């Protein structure tokens, strides 16, 4: 994953894992809590869509760590 910061610098991250979590009981501290190294966590909607309530029932979480060049 490549991200360009407001400073114009490019930062590169390598994916460590991708997980699907039920949105109602996702382990929030594990997902957004502190990490041992500089990391990037991406969270988006995933899984089945609940048309009655207009929401996705899962969240897709991608965790990556920064790679130095």
PDB file of N, CA and C in Angstrom:
ATOM      1  N   UNK A   1       0.861  -1.160   0.000  1.00  0.00           N
ATOM      2  CA  UNK A   1       0.000   0.000   0.000  1.00  0.00           C
ATOM      3  C   UNK A   1       0.909   1.224   0.000  1.00  0.00           C
ATOM      4  N   UNK A   2       0.644   2.160  -0.903  1.00  0.00           N
ATOM      5  CA  UNK A   2       1.434   3.381  -0.961  1.00  0.00           C
ATOM      6  C   UNK A   2       0.543   4.568  -0.624  1.00  0.00           C
ATOM      7  N   UNK A   3       1.015   5.396   0.287  1.00  0.00           N
ATOM      8  CA  UNK A   3       0.271   6.570   0.741  1.00  0.00           C
ATOM      9  C   UNK A   3       1.151   7.792   0.545  1.00  0.00           C
ATOM     10  N   UNK A   4       0.572   8.873   0.024  1.00  0.00           N
ATOM     11  CA  UNK A   4       1.295  10.128  -0.096  1.00  0.00           C
ATOM     12  C   UNK A   4       0.773  11.074   0.975  1.00  0.00           C
ATOM     13  N   UNK A   5       1.685  11.537   1.830  1.00  0.00           N
ATOM     14  CA  UNK A   5       1.307  12.427   2.915  1.00  0.00           C
ATOM     15  C   UNK A   5       1.127  13.860   2.451  1.00  0.00           C
ATOM     16  N   UNK A   6       0.582  14.688   3.317  1.00  0.00           N
ATOM     17  CA  UNK A   6       0.417  16.117   3.015  1.00  0.00           C
ATOM     18  C   UNK A   6       1.758  16.773   2.724  1.00  0.00           C
ATOM     19  N   UNK A   7       2.842  16.175   3.264  1.00  0.00           N
ATOM     20  CA  UNK A   7       4.182  16.717   3.052  1.00  0.00           C
ATOM     21  C   UNK A   7       4.757  16.337   1.687  1.00  0.00           C
ATOM     22  N   UNK A   8       3.988  15.572   0.891  1.00  0.00           N
ATOM     23  CA  UNK A   8       4.447  15.154  -0.423  1.00  0.00           C
ATOM     24  C   UNK A   8       5.290  13.890  -0.407  1.00  0.00           C
ATOM     25  N   UNK A   9       5.645  13.417   0.779  1.00  0.00           N
ATOM     26  CA  UNK A   9       6.436  12.188   0.910  1.00  0.00           C
ATOM     27  C   UNK A   9       5.557  10.968   0.652  1.00  0.00           C
ATOM     28  N   UNK A  10       6.180   9.924   0.114  1.00  0.00           N
ATOM     29  CA  UNK A  10       5.479   8.676  -0.141  1.00  0.00           C
ATOM     30  C   UNK A  10       5.873   7.659   0.918  1.00  0.00           C
ATOM     31  N   UNK A  11       4.887   6.983   1.487  1.00  0.00           N
ATOM     32  CA  UNK A  11       5.097   5.986   2.529  1.00  0.00           C
ATOM     33  C   UNK A  11       4.549   4.660   2.029  1.00  0.00           C
ATOM     34  N   UNK A  12       5.327   3.595   2.212  1.00  0.00           N
ATOM     35  CA  UNK A  12       4.940   2.279   1.714  1.00  0.00           C
ATOM     36  C   UNK A  12       4.686   1.337   2.888  1.00  0.00           C
ATOM     37  N   UNK A  13       3.591   0.580   2.784  1.00  0.00           N
ATOM     38  CA  UNK A  13       3.187  -0.380   3.808  1.00  0.00           C
ATOM     39  C   UNK A  13       2.995  -1.750   3.175  1.00  0.00           C
ATOM     40  N   UNK A  14       3.366  -2.794   3.914  1.00  0.00           N
ATOM     41  CA  UNK A  14       3.187  -4.168   3.466  1.00  0.00           C
ATOM     42  C   UNK A  14       2.059  -4.810   4.272  1.00  0.00           C
ATOM     43  N   UNK A  15       1.126  -5.450   3.590  1.00  0.00           N
ATOM     44  CA  UNK A  15      -0.039  -6.046   4.250  1.00  0.00           C
ATOM     45  C   UNK A  15       0.388  -7.244   5.098  1.00  0.00           C
ATOM     46  N   UNK A  16      -0.063  -7.253   6.359  1.00  0.00           N
ATOM     47  CA  UNK A  16       0.190  -8.363   7.276  1.00  0.00           C
ATOM     48  C   UNK A  16      -0.981  -9.335   7.304  1.00  0.00           C
ATOM     49  N   UNK A  17      -2.192  -8.791   7.323  1.00  0.00           N
ATOM     50  CA  UNK A  17      -3.370  -9.648   7.340  1.00  0.00           C
ATOM     51  C   UNK A  17      -4.617  -8.893   6.895  1.00  0.00           C
ATOM     52  N   UNK A  18      -5.620  -9.677   6.469  1.00  0.00           N
ATOM     53  CA  UNK A  18      -6.942  -9.168   6.100  1.00  0.00           C
ATOM     54  C   UNK A  18      -7.953 -10.037   6.833  1.00  0.00           C
ATOM     55  N   UNK A  19      -8.869  -9.421   7.561  1.00  0.00           N
ATOM     56  CA  UNK A  19      -9.874 -10.157   8.330  1.00  0.00           C
ATOM     57  C   UNK A  19     -11.251  -9.562   8.111  1.00  0.00           C
ATOM     58  N   UNK A  20     -12.265 -10.408   8.207  1.00  0.00           N
ATOM     59  CA  UNK A  20     -13.660  -9.975   8.208  1.00  0.00           C
ATOM     60  C   UNK A  20     -14.168 -10.089   9.644  1.00  0.00           C
ATOM     61  N   UNK A  21     -14.819  -9.051  10.134  1.00  0.00           N
ATOM     62  CA  UNK A  21     -15.391  -9.050  11.482  1.00  0.00           C
ATOM     63  C   UNK A  21     -16.868  -8.721  11.403  1.00  0.00           C
ATOM     64  N   UNK A  22     -17.653  -9.369  12.263  1.00  0.00           N
ATOM     65  CA  UNK A  22     -19.059  -8.996  12.390  1.00  0.00           C
ATOM     66  C   UNK A  22     -19.090  -7.584  12.951  1.00  0.00           C
ATOM     67  N   UNK A  23     -19.830  -6.688  12.306  1.00  0.00           N
ATOM     68  CA  UNK A  23     -19.814  -5.289  12.739  1.00  0.00           C
ATOM     69  C   UNK A  23     -20.380  -5.114  14.143  1.00  0.00           C
ATOM     70  N   UNK A  24     -21.259  -5.985  14.562  1.00  0.00           N
ATOM     71  CA  UNK A  24     -21.880  -5.848  15.880  1.00  0.00           C
ATOM     72  C   UNK A  24     -20.949  -6.221  17.029  1.00  0.00           C
ATOM     73  N   UNK A  25     -19.936  -7.059  16.772  1.00  0.00           N
ATOM     74  CA  UNK A  25     -19.066  -7.474  17.882  1.00  0.00           C
ATOM     75  C   UNK A  25     -17.598  -7.577  17.474  1.00  0.00           C
ATOM     76  N   UNK A  26     -17.133  -6.631  16.707  1.00  0.00           N
ATOM     77  CA  UNK A  26     -15.724  -6.591  16.303  1.00  0.00           C
ATOM     78  C   UNK A  26     -14.847  -6.227  17.501  1.00  0.00           C
ATOM     79  N   UNK A  27     -13.651  -6.816  17.610  1.00  0.00           N
ATOM     80  CA  UNK A  27     -12.733  -6.497  18.719  1.00  0.00           C
ATOM     81  C   UNK A  27     -12.051  -5.144  18.482  1.00  0.00           C
ATOM     82  N   UNK A  28     -12.732  -4.079  18.809  1.00  0.00           N
ATOM     83  CA  UNK A  28     -12.297  -2.720  18.475  1.00  0.00           C
ATOM     84  C   UNK A  28     -10.880  -2.418  18.946  1.00  0.00           C
ATOM     85  N   UNK A  29     -10.517  -2.785  20.175  1.00  0.00           N
ATOM     86  CA  UNK A  29      -9.169  -2.485  20.684  1.00  0.00           C
ATOM     87  C   UNK A  29      -8.092  -3.184  19.873  1.00  0.00           C
ATOM     88  N   UNK A  30      -8.367  -4.399  19.404  1.00  0.00           N
ATOM     89  CA  UNK A  30      -7.395  -5.113  18.574  1.00  0.00           C
ATOM     90  C   UNK A  30      -7.262  -4.464  17.203  1.00  0.00           C
ATOM     91  N   UNK A  31      -8.336  -3.865  16.732  1.00  0.00           N
ATOM     92  CA  UNK A  31      -8.342  -3.269  15.404  1.00  0.00           C
ATOM     93  C   UNK A  31      -7.708  -1.875  15.406  1.00  0.00           C
ATOM     94  N   UNK A  32      -8.097  -1.030  16.343  1.00  0.00           N
ATOM     95  CA  UNK A  32      -7.620   0.362  16.334  1.00  0.00           C
ATOM     96  C   UNK A  32      -6.702   0.707  17.502  1.00  0.00           C
ATOM     97  N   UNK A  33      -6.392  -0.259  18.329  1.00  0.00           N
ATOM     98  CA  UNK A  33      -5.517  -0.012  19.475  1.00  0.00           C
ATOM     99  C   UNK A  33      -4.059   0.125  19.059  1.00  0.00           C
ATOM    100  N   UNK A  34      -3.185   0.368  20.023  1.00  0.00           N
ATOM    101  CA  UNK A  34      -1.765   0.552  19.739  1.00  0.00           C
ATOM    102  C   UNK A  34      -1.139  -0.700  19.119  1.00  0.00           C
ATOM    103  N   UNK A  35      -0.104  -0.480  18.308  1.00  0.00           N
ATOM    104  CA  UNK A  35       0.651  -1.570  17.697  1.00  0.00           C
ATOM    105  C   UNK A  35       2.121  -1.437  18.079  1.00  0.00           C
ATOM    106  N   UNK A  36       2.874  -2.516  17.914  1.00  0.00           N
ATOM    107  CA  UNK A  36       4.284  -2.494  18.282  1.00  0.00           C
ATOM    108  C   UNK A  36       5.142  -1.743  17.274  1.00  0.00           C
ATOM    109  N   UNK A  37       4.675  -1.624  16.040  1.00  0.00           N
ATOM    110  CA  UNK A  37       5.426  -0.913  15.003  1.00  0.00           C
ATOM    111  C   UNK A  37       4.485   0.040  14.275  1.00  0.00           C
ATOM    112  N   UNK A  38       5.059   0.944  13.504  1.00  0.00           N
ATOM    113  CA  UNK A  38       4.235   1.874  12.743  1.00  0.00           C
ATOM    114  C   UNK A  38       3.366   1.075  11.782  1.00  0.00           C
ATOM    115  N   UNK A  39       2.065   1.286  11.853  1.00  0.00           N
ATOM    116  CA  UNK A  39       1.167   0.488  11.033  1.00  0.00           C
ATOM    117  C   UNK A  39       0.062   1.350  10.436  1.00  0.00           C
ATOM    118  N   UNK A  40      -0.605   0.762   9.465  1.00  0.00           N
ATOM    119  CA  UNK A  40      -1.735   1.391   8.798  1.00  0.00           C
ATOM    120  C   UNK A  40      -2.874   0.388   8.850  1.00  0.00           C
ATOM    121  N   UNK A  41      -4.049   0.827   9.293  1.00  0.00           N
ATOM    122  CA  UNK A  41      -5.214  -0.045   9.364  1.00  0.00           C
ATOM    123  C   UNK A  41      -6.307   0.547   8.498  1.00  0.00           C
ATOM    124  N   UNK A  42      -6.778  -0.234   7.533  1.00  0.00           N
ATOM    125  CA  UNK A  42      -7.862   0.180   6.647  1.00  0.00           C
ATOM    126  C   UNK A  42      -9.109  -0.586   7.042  1.00  0.00           C
ATOM    127  N   UNK A  43     -10.230   0.125   7.167  1.00  0.00           N
ATOM    128  CA  UNK A  43     -11.494  -0.501   7.546  1.00  0.00           C
ATOM    129  C   UNK A  43     -12.554  -0.086   6.540  1.00  0.00           C
ATOM    130  N   UNK A  44     -13.276  -1.070   6.016  1.00  0.00           N
ATOM    131  CA  UNK A  44     -14.340  -0.775   5.057  1.00  0.00           C
ATOM    132  C   UNK A  44     -15.494  -1.745   5.270  1.00  0.00           C
ATOM    133  N   UNK A  45     -16.596  -1.480   4.615  1.00  0.00           N
ATOM    134  CA  UNK A  45     -17.755  -2.360   4.707  1.00  0.00           C
ATOM    135  C   UNK A  45     -17.483  -3.656   3.967  1.00  0.00           C
ATOM    136  N   UNK A  46     -18.098  -4.745   4.412  1.00  0.00           N
ATOM    137  CA  UNK A  46     -17.927  -6.023   3.750  1.00  0.00           C
ATOM    138  C   UNK A  46     -19.007  -6.991   4.158  1.00  0.00           C
ATOM    139  N   UNK A  47     -18.919  -8.179   3.612  1.00  0.00           N
ATOM    140  CA  UNK A  47     -19.874  -9.225   3.949  1.00  0.00           C
ATOM    141  C   UNK A  47     -21.247  -8.961   3.360  1.00  0.00           C
ATOM    142  N   UNK A  48     -22.248  -9.659   3.877  1.00  0.00           N
ATOM    143  CA  UNK A  48     -23.611  -9.523   3.362  1.00  0.00           C
ATOM    144  C   UNK A  48     -24.190  -8.136   3.643  1.00  0.00           C
ATOM    145  N   UNK A  49     -25.100  -7.715   2.772  1.00  0.00           N
ATOM    146  CA  UNK A  49     -25.773  -6.428   2.944  1.00  0.00           C
ATOM    147  C   UNK A  49     -27.170  -6.670   3.498  1.00  0.00           C
ATOM    148  N   UNK A  50     -27.518  -5.961   4.552  1.00  0.00           N
ATOM    149  CA  UNK A  50     -28.858  -6.044   5.164  1.00  0.00           C
ATOM    150  C   UNK A  50     -29.727  -4.975   4.505  1.00  0.00           C
ATOM    151  N   UNK A  51     -30.519  -5.370   3.523  1.00  0.00           N
ATOM    152  CA  UNK A  51     -31.338  -4.421   2.774  1.00  0.00           C
ATOM    153  C   UNK A  51     -32.414  -3.774   3.634  1.00  0.00           C
ATOM    154  N   UNK A  52     -32.904  -4.490   4.620  1.00  0.00           N
ATOM    155  CA  UNK A  52     -33.941  -3.942   5.491  1.00  0.00           C
ATOM    156  C   UNK A  52     -33.445  -2.737   6.292  1.00  0.00           C
ATOM    157  N   UNK A  53     -32.190  -2.837   6.776  1.00  0.00           N
ATOM    158  CA  UNK A  53     -31.623  -1.758   7.592  1.00  0.00           C
ATOM    159  C   UNK A  53     -30.629  -0.888   6.828  1.00  0.00           C
ATOM    160  N   UNK A  54     -30.274  -1.287   5.598  1.00  0.00           N
ATOM    161  CA  UNK A  54     -29.385  -0.474   4.769  1.00  0.00           C
ATOM    162  C   UNK A  54     -27.941  -0.449   5.233  1.00  0.00           C
ATOM    163  N   UNK A  55     -27.464  -1.566   5.799  1.00  0.00           N
ATOM    164  CA  UNK A  55     -26.081  -1.625   6.293  1.00  0.00           C
ATOM    165  C   UNK A  55     -25.426  -2.951   5.934  1.00  0.00           C
ATOM    166  N   UNK A  56     -24.080  -2.935   5.853  1.00  0.00           N
ATOM    167  CA  UNK A  56     -23.336  -4.182   5.721  1.00  0.00           C
ATOM    168  C   UNK A  56     -23.189  -4.798   7.096  1.00  0.00           C
ATOM    169  N   UNK A  57     -23.183  -6.108   7.156  1.00  0.00           N
ATOM    170  CA  UNK A  57     -23.139  -6.805   8.441  1.00  0.00           C
ATOM    171  C   UNK A  57     -21.719  -7.094   8.918  1.00  0.00           C
ATOM    172  N   UNK A  58     -20.737  -6.879   8.058  1.00  0.00           N
ATOM    173  CA  UNK A  58     -19.357  -7.123   8.449  1.00  0.00           C
ATOM    174  C   UNK A  58     -18.484  -5.937   8.071  1.00  0.00           C
ATOM    175  N   UNK A  59     -17.287  -5.950   8.634  1.00  0.00           N
ATOM    176  CA  UNK A  59     -16.269  -4.975   8.282  1.00  0.00           C
ATOM    177  C   UNK A  59     -15.034  -5.744   7.810  1.00  0.00           C
ATOM    178  N   UNK A  60     -14.446  -5.272   6.724  1.00  0.00           N
ATOM    179  CA  UNK A  60     -13.193  -5.839   6.248  1.00  0.00           C
ATOM    180  C   UNK A  60     -12.075  -4.963   6.792  1.00  0.00           C
ATOM    181  N   UNK A  61     -11.110  -5.581   7.477  1.00  0.00           N
ATOM    182  CA  UNK A  61     -10.009  -4.851   8.097  1.00  0.00           C
ATOM    183  C   UNK A  61      -8.695  -5.346   7.488  1.00  0.00           C
ATOM    184  N   UNK A  62      -7.867  -4.399   7.050  1.00  0.00           N
ATOM    185  CA  UNK A  62      -6.552  -4.710   6.482  1.00  0.00           C
ATOM    186  C   UNK A  62      -5.505  -4.046   7.372  1.00  0.00           C
ATOM    187  N   UNK A  63      -4.579  -4.855   7.909  1.00  0.00           N
ATOM    188  CA  UNK A  63      -3.500  -4.313   8.747  1.00  0.00           C
ATOM    189  C   UNK A  63      -2.190  -4.450   7.984  1.00  0.00           C
ATOM    190  N   UNK A  64      -1.411  -3.376   7.999  1.00  0.00           N
ATOM    191  CA  UNK A  64      -0.113  -3.388   7.313  1.00  0.00           C
ATOM    192  C   UNK A  64       0.918  -2.655   8.162  1.00  0.00           C
ATOM    193  N   UNK A  65       2.185  -2.956   7.905  1.00  0.00           N
ATOM    194  CA  UNK A  65       3.277  -2.277   8.617  1.00  0.00           C
ATOM    195  C   UNK A  65       4.111  -1.487   7.600  1.00  0.00           C
ATOM    196  N   UNK A  66       4.736  -0.429   8.096  1.00  0.00           N
ATOM    197  CA  UNK A  66       5.515   0.444   7.229  1.00  0.00           C
ATOM    198  C   UNK A  66       6.820  -0.226   6.808  1.00  0.00           C
ATOM    199  N   UNK A  67       7.113  -0.089   5.526  1.00  0.00           N
ATOM    200  CA  UNK A  67       8.329  -0.638   4.956  1.00  0.00           C
ATOM    201  C   UNK A  67       9.261   0.535   4.674  1.00  0.00           C
ATOM    202  N   UNK A  68      10.487   0.444   5.153  1.00  0.00           N
ATOM    203  CA  UNK A  68      11.456   1.517   4.879  1.00  0.00           C
ATOM    204  C   UNK A  68      12.243   1.165   3.632  1.00  0.00           C
ATOM    205  N   UNK A  69      12.549   2.189   2.834  1.00  0.00           N
ATOM    206  CA  UNK A  69      13.289   1.918   1.597  1.00  0.00           C
ATOM    207  C   UNK A  69      14.771   2.022   1.813  1.00  0.00           C
TER     208      UNK A  69
END
